[in-house]
Amino acid sequence: MELIDFTVKPLPLKINISGSNMLLLKRILTVMFLLAVLPLTVFSQWQVSGGLYPVYQHTPSAASGISSVYFLYGMNHASVSFLSKENSPMRCFRFQTGALQAEEVSGQQDNDLFTLSDIQPGCGYYIEQSGRPVSYMWLIDYQPLLLQARSLSIDPEMSDCMQTRLIFEKTAPEIMFYWINGRKETVEREFILSYHTLEWNEESKSFEEILQQENVTGYREISVAAPFCNTDFTLSGDQFLRFWKIPAEVTSPLYEAVALTGKAFAEQHVRGAGNELDKETGELGGSAPVDISFAGYANYPVTTYQAWEISRDADFNIIDATYTDQNLNYSFEEEGLTYVRFVISNAMGSCEEIVNTFTINTSESSLKVPNVFTPESPGGNNRIFKVAYKSIIKFEGWVYNRWGNQVFHWTNPADGWDGTYNGKVVPTGAYFYVIEAEGVGGKKYKLKGDINVLRTRN
């Protein structure tokens, strides 16, 4: 079979390119080069060993053209080889800032395995088969890049109610490699930051201390959400030392918490009277008096002040009442909207928080009186003489017979007359009622009228 040489020899052409087109030409050449060096197969692989600890493998972005970056801890007994899926001649090349500047390095091929004989860290390597690159890798010796963590402190000037700023002092040489097109990339050191904070437990209705762990990069300044309890911060890593199980951590002095967190709940007490309207509206409020139990929780002892504030103004420009109890039982007897919020602050007053604001909508009052009822009606419908009402805060009523004798008196609008007097059902006929009541907003009711008792025994 005849082999055809596809090598393209350059022609002695002179091309004048203006400065404005130079950038475009470079981009085109870069794209053409990347297409030319795409790996022939995904089944080939690098084999790297040596150093004092197991090899750490970092996978960069596909755009880099580098399949893997290998980290050794020291170059003791370092070995690099490439296993190919096809048994064909292989050549190895090494580069420092881009594959275009690669130089061939020596090695030995044994069937489908090529082993390098000259290994240098801080370089990229690629294998060539059939005149084309197969796979690229980068080799790094971590030992001269060893992290030395010196201290972790808290920056009070940059810490507030929302965040805590930490200062991480360290010696950490840059870890970098180059893409095959010559672009430099830095491998960020990754750390685990551990500290304690509080988390709400819905089941126990309390704030509980938990261990918080976050992945952070190794910048000098590290910002985290301000913890809700006193704690110290511990920074461990980097990722390479954790992988090799080499202890490397620093701990800050004790941090005194200033940040606040809280929970606030409201539960309305629902009355069971069937003749009271708007007693359940699906929201806080309805027929007055609206009785609500409020419960507040906060991160004590950081929180030193707590208060329930009540206002008819949604913006709380005017506060009508303040209660410093953790729990509050309150009866709302004013028509319209009332606002209640739970506020907390720390000892210095440097942090304040509105935990929650509740809106209570109290219904306007109404009072309606039926004019007939049947004490012995089958099935129990309309057997009690009751008013239909809402938002009535004072009530008193009387029922008289035709001779002016009082047969019934009641002071709770939820109650009613069962049509009896002295233990017996009254005779059929007309009776007279008088009702005096007061609704929310001071509205007065003075009602008089007849009530007809039907279908009773004589």
Protein backbone atom coordinates (compact mmCIF):
# COMPACT_ATOMS: atom_id res chain seq x y z
CA MET A 1 0.00 0.00 0.00
CA GLU A 2 1.47 3.34 -1.00
CA LEU A 3 1.74 6.04 1.64
CA ILE A 4 0.83 9.54 0.56
CA ASP A 5 2.67 12.45 2.13
CA PHE A 6 0.19 15.21 3.03
CA THR A 7 2.84 17.54 4.45
CA VAL A 8 2.22 21.11 3.33
CA LYS A 9 5.39 23.07 2.62
CA PRO A 10 5.24 26.83 3.16
CA LEU A 11 5.46 29.10 0.10
CA PRO A 12 7.56 32.26 0.12
CA LEU A 13 4.58 34.60 0.14
CA LYS A 14 4.61 38.14 1.45
CA ILE A 15 1.35 39.28 2.93
CA ASN A 16 0.73 42.75 4.25
CA ILE A 17 -1.76 42.68 7.12
CA SER A 18 -3.06 45.82 8.70
CA GLY A 19 -3.11 46.15 12.48
CA SER A 20 -6.94 46.03 12.57
CA ASN A 21 -6.96 42.57 10.98
CA MET A 22 -4.13 41.08 13.01
CA LEU A 23 -6.37 40.12 15.98
CA LEU A 24 -8.87 38.40 13.67
CA LEU A 25 -6.08 36.42 11.96
CA LYS A 26 -4.72 35.27 15.32
CA ARG A 27 -8.16 34.02 16.37
CA ILE A 28 -8.59 32.10 13.11
CA LEU A 29 -5.18 30.47 13.49
CA THR A 30 -5.95 29.53 17.09
CA VAL A 31 -9.23 27.85 16.13
CA MET A 32 -7.51 25.96 13.26
CA PHE A 33 -4.81 24.78 15.65
CA LEU A 34 -7.29 23.55 18.25
CA LEU A 35 -9.18 21.61 15.61
CA ALA A 36 -5.94 20.03 14.44
CA VAL A 37 -4.93 18.83 17.91
CA LEU A 38 -8.20 17.29 19.06
CA PRO A 39 -7.51 13.89 20.65
CA LEU A 40 -8.00 10.90 18.36
CA THR A 41 -9.59 8.75 21.06
CA VAL A 42 -11.03 8.91 24.55
CA PHE A 43 -9.79 5.44 25.41
CA SER A 44 -6.13 6.41 25.75
CA GLN A 45 -4.93 7.40 29.21
CA TRP A 46 -2.00 8.74 31.19
CA GLN A 47 -0.49 6.82 34.08
CA VAL A 48 1.29 8.91 36.71
CA SER A 49 2.88 7.68 39.96
CA GLY A 50 5.56 8.58 42.46
CA GLY A 51 6.07 11.14 45.21
CA LEU A 52 5.48 10.70 48.92
CA TYR A 53 1.70 10.42 48.66
CA PRO A 54 -0.93 9.26 46.11
CA VAL A 55 -1.24 11.34 42.96
CA TYR A 56 -3.88 14.08 43.03
CA GLN A 57 -5.72 14.52 39.74
CA HIS A 58 -7.34 17.81 38.72
CA THR A 59 -9.66 17.94 35.71
CA PRO A 60 -9.61 21.33 33.99
CA SER A 61 -12.21 22.68 31.58
CA ALA A 62 -12.48 20.97 28.20
CA ALA A 63 -11.63 24.26 26.50
CA SER A 64 -8.08 24.02 27.85
CA GLY A 65 -7.32 20.96 25.74
CA ILE A 66 -5.67 19.42 28.83
CA SER A 67 -7.19 16.11 29.85
CA SER A 68 -5.80 16.18 33.42
CA VAL A 69 -3.41 18.06 35.69
CA TYR A 70 -1.46 15.65 37.91
CA PHE A 71 -0.02 16.68 41.28
CA LEU A 72 2.87 14.83 42.90
CA TYR A 73 4.16 15.50 46.41
CA GLY A 74 7.84 15.40 45.56
CA MET A 75 9.39 13.79 42.51
CA ASN A 76 10.70 10.71 44.32
CA HIS A 77 10.35 7.69 42.02
CA ALA A 78 8.19 9.73 39.65
CA SER A 79 6.91 7.82 36.63
CA VAL A 80 4.84 9.01 33.68
CA SER A 81 3.57 6.75 30.92
CA PHE A 82 0.84 6.70 28.34
CA LEU A 83 -1.35 3.73 27.51
CA SER A 84 -2.79 3.79 24.00
CA LYS A 85 -5.62 1.75 22.59
CA GLU A 86 -3.70 1.07 19.42
CA ASN A 87 -0.26 -0.44 19.09
CA SER A 88 1.42 2.12 16.84
CA PRO A 89 4.59 4.23 17.15
CA MET A 90 4.30 7.01 19.71
CA ARG A 91 6.28 10.17 20.29
CA CYS A 92 6.13 12.43 23.34
CA PHE A 93 6.47 16.22 23.43
CA ARG A 94 6.88 18.63 26.32
CA PHE A 95 5.87 22.31 26.48
CA GLN A 96 5.88 25.07 29.06
CA THR A 97 3.64 27.86 27.78
CA GLY A 98 1.75 26.30 24.88
CA ALA A 99 1.83 23.26 22.62
CA LEU A 100 3.19 25.24 19.68
CA GLN A 101 6.51 25.55 21.54
CA ALA A 102 6.73 21.82 22.34
CA GLU A 103 9.96 19.87 22.12
CA GLU A 104 10.25 16.12 21.82
CA VAL A 105 11.35 14.19 24.90
CA SER A 106 12.84 10.73 25.10
CA GLY A 107 10.99 7.65 26.19
CA GLN A 108 10.56 3.94 25.65
CA GLN A 109 7.63 2.22 23.96
CA ASP A 110 6.61 -1.29 24.89
CA ASN A 111 3.74 -2.32 22.63
CA ASP A 112 0.86 0.06 23.56
CA LEU A 113 2.68 1.65 26.57
CA PHE A 114 5.02 4.60 26.22
CA THR A 115 7.12 5.51 29.30
CA LEU A 116 8.90 8.84 29.59
CA SER A 117 12.56 8.75 30.57
CA ASP A 118 12.94 12.49 31.17
CA ILE A 119 10.32 13.90 33.57
CA GLN A 120 10.17 17.54 34.60
CA PRO A 121 7.37 19.12 36.68
CA GLY A 122 5.73 22.41 35.76
CA CYS A 123 5.35 21.29 32.15
CA GLY A 124 2.74 19.97 29.78
CA TYR A 125 3.10 16.76 27.78
CA TYR A 126 1.34 15.25 24.83
CA ILE A 127 1.57 12.00 22.89
CA GLU A 128 1.62 11.96 19.12
CA GLN A 129 0.50 9.00 17.01
CA SER A 130 0.14 8.85 13.25
CA GLY A 131 1.40 12.41 13.09
CA ARG A 132 -1.38 13.80 15.29
CA PRO A 133 -1.61 14.66 19.02
CA VAL A 134 -3.55 12.07 20.99
CA SER A 135 -3.81 13.45 24.54
CA TYR A 136 -2.43 16.32 26.64
CA MET A 137 -1.61 16.48 30.35
CA TRP A 138 0.19 18.76 32.81
CA LEU A 139 2.48 17.70 35.65
CA ILE A 140 2.99 19.69 38.88
CA ASP A 141 5.21 19.04 41.90
CA TYR A 142 3.27 20.38 44.88
CA GLN A 143 6.13 20.18 47.36
CA PRO A 144 7.77 23.52 46.43
CA LEU A 145 4.25 25.04 46.30
CA LEU A 146 3.39 23.86 49.80
CA LEU A 147 0.80 25.93 51.66
CA GLN A 148 1.90 27.49 54.93
CA ALA A 149 -1.11 28.79 56.85
CA ARG A 150 0.01 31.32 59.46
CA SER A 151 -3.07 32.89 61.06
CA LEU A 152 -6.79 33.54 60.79
CA SER A 153 -8.16 36.70 62.40
CA ILE A 154 -11.39 38.71 62.46
CA ASP A 155 -11.54 42.15 60.90
CA PRO A 156 -13.83 44.20 63.21
CA GLU A 157 -13.89 47.17 60.86
CA MET A 158 -15.42 45.12 58.05
CA SER A 159 -17.69 42.91 60.18
CA ASP A 160 -21.27 43.94 60.87
CA CYS A 161 -24.79 42.61 61.45
CA MET A 162 -24.85 40.86 58.09
CA GLN A 163 -21.35 39.54 57.49
CA THR A 164 -18.10 38.65 59.23
CA ARG A 165 -14.80 39.41 57.50
CA LEU A 166 -11.83 37.10 58.16
CA ILE A 167 -8.18 37.81 57.35
CA PHE A 168 -6.22 34.73 56.26
CA GLU A 169 -2.46 35.15 56.42
CA LYS A 170 -0.51 32.48 54.56
CA THR A 171 2.31 31.64 52.20
CA ALA A 172 0.85 30.01 49.11
CA PRO A 173 2.81 30.14 45.84
CA GLU A 174 0.72 30.34 42.70
CA ILE A 175 -0.34 27.03 41.20
CA MET A 176 -0.78 27.34 37.47
CA PHE A 177 -0.68 25.53 34.14
CA TYR A 178 -1.09 26.51 30.51
CA TRP A 179 -3.72 25.58 27.98
CA ILE A 180 -2.49 24.07 24.75
CA ASN A 181 -3.06 27.44 23.06
CA GLY A 182 -0.79 29.17 25.59
CA ARG A 183 -3.43 30.63 27.89
CA LYS A 184 -2.43 30.64 31.56
CA GLU A 185 -4.83 29.26 34.18
CA THR A 186 -4.46 29.39 37.96
CA VAL A 187 -5.65 26.50 40.10
CA GLU A 188 -7.34 28.10 43.09
CA ARG A 189 -6.61 26.60 46.47
CA GLU A 190 -9.81 25.42 48.14
CA PHE A 191 -10.41 25.44 51.88
CA ILE A 192 -13.13 24.35 54.29
CA LEU A 193 -14.26 27.00 56.76
CA SER A 194 -15.90 25.59 59.91
CA TYR A 195 -17.76 27.54 62.59
CA HIS A 196 -20.90 27.36 64.72
CA THR A 197 -24.15 29.22 64.24
CA LEU A 198 -27.83 28.75 65.11
CA GLU A 199 -30.58 27.09 63.11
CA TRP A 200 -34.31 27.08 63.79
CA ASN A 201 -35.79 23.72 64.81
CA GLU A 202 -39.47 23.73 63.97
CA GLU A 203 -40.22 20.64 66.02
CA SER A 204 -38.73 21.92 69.27
CA LYS A 205 -39.58 25.57 68.53
CA SER A 206 -36.09 26.72 69.41
CA PHE A 207 -32.79 27.84 67.91
CA GLU A 208 -30.17 25.10 68.07
CA GLU A 209 -26.42 25.34 67.62
CA ILE A 210 -25.07 23.64 64.51
CA LEU A 211 -21.68 23.23 62.87
CA GLN A 212 -21.55 25.19 59.62
CA GLN A 213 -19.02 24.25 56.93
CA GLU A 214 -18.41 26.19 53.74
CA ASN A 215 -16.06 25.77 50.82
CA VAL A 216 -14.00 28.92 50.31
CA THR A 217 -11.08 29.92 48.12
CA GLY A 218 -7.79 30.94 49.60
CA TYR A 219 -8.04 34.69 49.27
CA ARG A 220 -6.64 36.84 52.04
CA GLU A 221 -10.08 38.27 52.84
CA ILE A 222 -12.94 35.84 53.42
CA SER A 223 -16.51 37.00 54.08
CA VAL A 224 -19.24 34.80 55.53
CA ALA A 225 -22.75 35.38 56.83
CA ALA A 226 -22.46 36.62 60.41
CA PRO A 227 -22.94 33.75 62.90
CA PHE A 228 -25.78 33.97 65.40
CA CYS A 229 -23.74 32.73 68.38
CA ASN A 230 -20.24 33.12 69.76
CA THR A 231 -17.80 30.92 67.88
CA ASP A 232 -14.32 30.58 66.52
CA PHE A 233 -13.52 29.93 62.86
CA THR A 234 -11.29 27.12 61.61
CA LEU A 235 -9.86 27.05 58.10
CA SER A 236 -8.53 23.70 56.87
CA GLY A 237 -6.88 22.73 53.61
CA ASP A 238 -6.02 23.30 50.88
CA GLN A 239 -7.69 20.54 48.81
CA PHE A 240 -4.34 18.87 48.12
CA LEU A 241 -3.35 18.61 51.76
CA ARG A 242 -6.80 17.32 52.69
CA PHE A 243 -6.50 14.68 49.95
CA TRP A 244 -3.15 13.61 51.34
CA LYS A 245 -4.49 13.78 54.93
CA ILE A 246 -1.79 16.22 55.93
CA PRO A 247 -3.03 18.39 58.85
CA ALA A 248 -3.07 22.05 57.93
CA GLU A 249 -5.49 24.38 59.68
CA VAL A 250 -5.66 27.67 61.53
CA THR A 251 -8.22 28.83 64.09
CA SER A 252 -9.33 32.37 64.83
CA PRO A 253 -9.81 33.94 68.27
CA LEU A 254 -13.30 33.71 69.72
CA TYR A 255 -15.81 35.77 67.77
CA GLU A 256 -18.50 37.51 69.85
CA ALA A 257 -21.72 37.45 67.87
CA VAL A 258 -23.72 40.59 67.16
CA ALA A 259 -26.03 39.34 64.41
CA LEU A 260 -29.67 38.70 65.23
CA THR A 261 -32.17 36.10 64.15
CA GLY A 262 -35.68 35.43 65.35
CA LYS A 263 -39.03 33.82 64.70
CA ALA A 264 -42.50 35.15 65.48
CA PHE A 265 -45.83 33.36 65.40
CA ALA A 266 -49.46 34.37 65.87
CA GLU A 267 -52.35 32.06 66.69
CA GLN A 268 -55.94 33.28 66.77
CA HIS A 269 -58.37 31.81 69.25
CA VAL A 270 -61.51 30.83 67.35
CA ARG A 271 -64.83 30.90 69.17
CA GLY A 272 -67.32 28.15 68.51
CA ALA A 273 -70.58 30.10 68.46
CA GLY A 274 -72.53 29.29 65.32
CA ASN A 275 -74.37 32.60 65.33
CA GLU A 276 -71.17 34.71 65.27
CA LEU A 277 -70.30 35.89 61.77
CA ASP A 278 -66.74 36.31 60.42
CA LYS A 279 -65.17 34.39 63.28
CA GLU A 280 -62.98 32.54 60.79
CA THR A 281 -61.74 34.47 57.76
CA GLY A 282 -58.65 32.44 56.82
CA GLU A 283 -56.47 35.34 57.97
CA LEU A 284 -55.90 37.05 61.29
CA GLY A 285 -58.94 39.06 62.25
CA GLY A 286 -62.67 38.86 61.78
CA SER A 287 -65.34 39.39 64.38
CA ALA A 288 -64.16 41.25 67.48
CA PRO A 289 -62.92 40.73 70.03
CA VAL A 290 -60.10 39.08 68.06
CA ASP A 291 -58.04 37.17 70.63
CA ILE A 292 -54.54 36.30 69.44
CA SER A 293 -51.57 34.69 71.17
CA PHE A 294 -48.19 35.90 69.92
CA ALA A 295 -44.95 33.98 70.52
CA GLY A 296 -41.49 35.38 69.81
CA TYR A 297 -38.11 33.65 69.71
CA ALA A 298 -34.60 35.02 69.22
CA ASN A 299 -30.93 34.08 69.51
CA TYR A 300 -30.43 34.69 73.19
CA PRO A 301 -28.19 35.93 74.80
CA VAL A 302 -27.08 37.91 71.73
CA THR A 303 -30.59 39.36 71.67
CA THR A 304 -30.97 41.44 74.82
CA TYR A 305 -34.08 43.46 73.92
CA GLN A 306 -37.35 42.24 72.46
CA ALA A 307 -40.70 43.95 72.05
CA TRP A 308 -44.12 43.54 70.50
CA GLU A 309 -45.15 46.85 68.96
CA ILE A 310 -48.79 47.57 68.07
CA SER A 311 -49.83 50.32 65.69
CA ARG A 312 -52.71 51.40 63.50
CA ASP A 313 -50.09 52.79 61.10
CA ALA A 314 -48.55 50.30 58.65
CA ASP A 315 -45.24 52.20 58.79
CA PHE A 316 -45.25 52.32 62.61
CA ASN A 317 -44.64 56.06 62.64
CA ILE A 318 -46.94 56.10 65.65
CA ILE A 319 -46.71 53.14 68.03
CA ASP A 320 -49.82 52.74 70.17
CA ALA A 321 -48.47 50.12 72.58
CA THR A 322 -45.22 48.27 73.35
CA TYR A 323 -44.86 45.04 75.32
CA THR A 324 -41.44 43.60 76.15
CA ASP A 325 -42.66 40.10 76.98
CA GLN A 326 -41.54 37.19 74.85
CA ASN A 327 -45.15 36.00 74.57
CA LEU A 328 -48.21 38.22 74.33
CA ASN A 329 -51.93 37.59 74.53
CA TYR A 330 -53.92 40.46 73.06
CA SER A 331 -57.56 41.18 72.33
CA PHE A 332 -58.28 43.46 69.35
CA GLU A 333 -61.47 45.48 69.69
CA GLU A 334 -60.95 48.27 67.15
CA GLU A 335 -62.55 48.08 63.73
CA GLY A 336 -60.20 47.98 60.75
CA LEU A 337 -56.50 47.20 60.36
CA THR A 338 -54.06 46.87 63.23
CA TYR A 339 -50.38 45.97 62.83
CA VAL A 340 -48.24 44.01 65.26
CA ARG A 341 -44.50 43.41 64.84
CA PHE A 342 -41.82 41.61 66.84
CA VAL A 343 -38.54 43.55 67.05
CA ILE A 344 -35.22 42.56 68.60
CA SER A 345 -31.82 44.19 69.17
CA ASN A 346 -28.45 43.37 70.72
CA ALA A 347 -26.87 44.84 73.84
CA MET A 348 -25.03 47.64 72.05
CA GLY A 349 -27.99 48.51 69.85
CA SER A 350 -25.73 48.10 66.82
CA CYS A 351 -28.02 45.50 65.28
CA GLU A 352 -31.80 45.65 65.16
CA GLU A 353 -34.22 43.44 63.31
CA ILE A 354 -37.93 43.34 62.61
CA VAL A 355 -38.59 39.63 62.84
CA ASN A 356 -42.16 39.61 61.54
CA THR A 357 -45.15 41.90 61.10
CA PHE A 358 -48.72 40.67 61.41
CA THR A 359 -51.84 42.36 60.04
CA ILE A 360 -55.12 41.98 61.94
CA ASN A 361 -58.30 43.04 60.15
CA THR A 362 -61.19 43.44 62.57
CA SER A 363 -64.67 43.38 61.06
CA GLU A 364 -67.17 46.20 61.51
CA SER A 365 -69.94 45.34 63.92
CA SER A 366 -73.44 44.16 63.05
CA LEU A 367 -76.38 42.80 65.05
CA LYS A 368 -79.51 41.18 63.64
CA VAL A 369 -82.44 39.71 65.56
CA PRO A 370 -84.85 37.02 64.23
CA ASN A 371 -88.58 37.47 64.69
CA VAL A 372 -89.69 33.86 65.00
CA PHE A 373 -88.45 30.53 66.37
CA THR A 374 -89.86 27.11 67.14
CA PRO A 375 -88.56 25.59 70.39
CA GLU A 376 -89.89 22.08 69.61
CA SER A 377 -89.10 22.01 65.92
CA PRO A 378 -88.10 18.51 64.68
CA GLY A 379 -84.45 18.21 63.60
CA GLY A 380 -83.30 21.04 65.84
CA ASN A 381 -83.43 23.88 63.30
CA ASN A 382 -84.43 27.27 64.69
CA ARG A 383 -85.05 25.85 68.15
CA ILE A 384 -83.04 28.59 69.91
CA PHE A 385 -83.73 32.29 69.75
CA LYS A 386 -80.28 33.75 68.92
CA VAL A 387 -79.03 36.96 67.39
CA ALA A 388 -76.67 36.97 64.41
CA TYR A 389 -73.71 39.19 65.28
CA LYS A 390 -70.11 40.17 64.69
CA SER A 391 -67.69 42.44 66.50
CA ILE A 392 -69.98 42.96 69.49
CA ILE A 393 -67.94 43.66 72.60
CA LYS A 394 -70.75 44.47 75.07
CA PHE A 395 -74.16 42.85 75.14
CA GLU A 396 -77.24 42.51 77.31
CA GLY A 397 -80.71 41.30 76.36
CA TRP A 398 -84.15 40.64 77.90
CA VAL A 399 -87.29 38.79 76.80
CA TYR A 400 -90.75 39.63 78.26
CA ASN A 401 -94.15 37.98 77.91
CA ARG A 402 -97.34 39.90 77.08
CA TRP A 403 -97.88 40.81 80.72
CA GLY A 404 -94.43 42.39 81.03
CA ASN A 405 -92.86 39.58 83.02
CA GLN A 406 -89.21 38.85 82.27
CA VAL A 407 -88.86 35.27 80.99
CA PHE A 408 -85.21 35.36 79.89
CA HIS A 409 -82.05 37.47 80.35
CA TRP A 410 -78.60 36.96 78.75
CA THR A 411 -75.28 38.87 78.50
CA ASN A 412 -73.39 36.82 75.92
CA PRO A 413 -74.49 37.24 72.30
CA ALA A 414 -73.35 33.68 71.61
CA ASP A 415 -76.08 32.40 73.96
CA GLY A 416 -79.83 32.33 73.29
CA TRP A 417 -83.27 31.53 74.64
CA ASP A 418 -84.54 27.97 74.34
CA GLY A 419 -88.17 29.04 74.74
CA THR A 420 -88.58 27.87 78.32
CA TYR A 421 -89.51 29.65 81.52
CA ASN A 422 -89.23 28.05 84.96
CA GLY A 423 -88.29 24.78 83.26
CA LYS A 424 -91.32 24.64 80.94
CA VAL A 425 -91.79 25.59 77.27
CA VAL A 426 -93.69 28.85 77.09
CA PRO A 427 -97.04 29.02 75.28
CA THR A 428 -97.23 29.93 71.59
CA GLY A 429 -97.54 33.63 71.00
CA ALA A 430 -95.73 36.94 70.74
CA TYR A 431 -93.00 37.96 73.16
CA PHE A 432 -91.08 41.18 73.45
CA TYR A 433 -87.26 41.58 73.45
CA VAL A 434 -84.98 44.47 74.41
CA ILE A 435 -81.29 44.38 73.46
CA GLU A 436 -78.56 46.88 74.34
CA ALA A 437 -75.09 46.31 72.84
CA GLU A 438 -71.90 48.01 71.78
CA GLY A 439 -69.79 47.17 68.76
CA VAL A 440 -66.22 48.01 67.82
CA GLY A 441 -65.58 51.66 67.26
CA GLY A 442 -68.08 52.53 69.98
CA LYS A 443 -71.17 51.85 67.87
CA LYS A 444 -74.30 51.57 70.11
CA TYR A 445 -77.24 49.23 69.54
CA LYS A 446 -80.68 49.60 71.20
CA LEU A 447 -83.07 47.12 69.65
CA LYS A 448 -86.68 46.35 70.55
CA GLY A 449 -89.19 44.10 68.88
CA ASP A 450 -91.48 41.11 68.88
CA ILE A 451 -90.43 37.48 68.78
CA ASN A 452 -93.03 34.87 67.87
CA VAL A 453 -92.91 31.44 69.47
CA LEU A 454 -94.54 28.79 67.26
CA ARG A 455 -95.60 25.14 67.50
CA THR A 456 -95.16 24.64 71.24
CA ARG A 457 -97.25 22.67 73.70
CA ASN A 458 -99.70 24.50 75.88
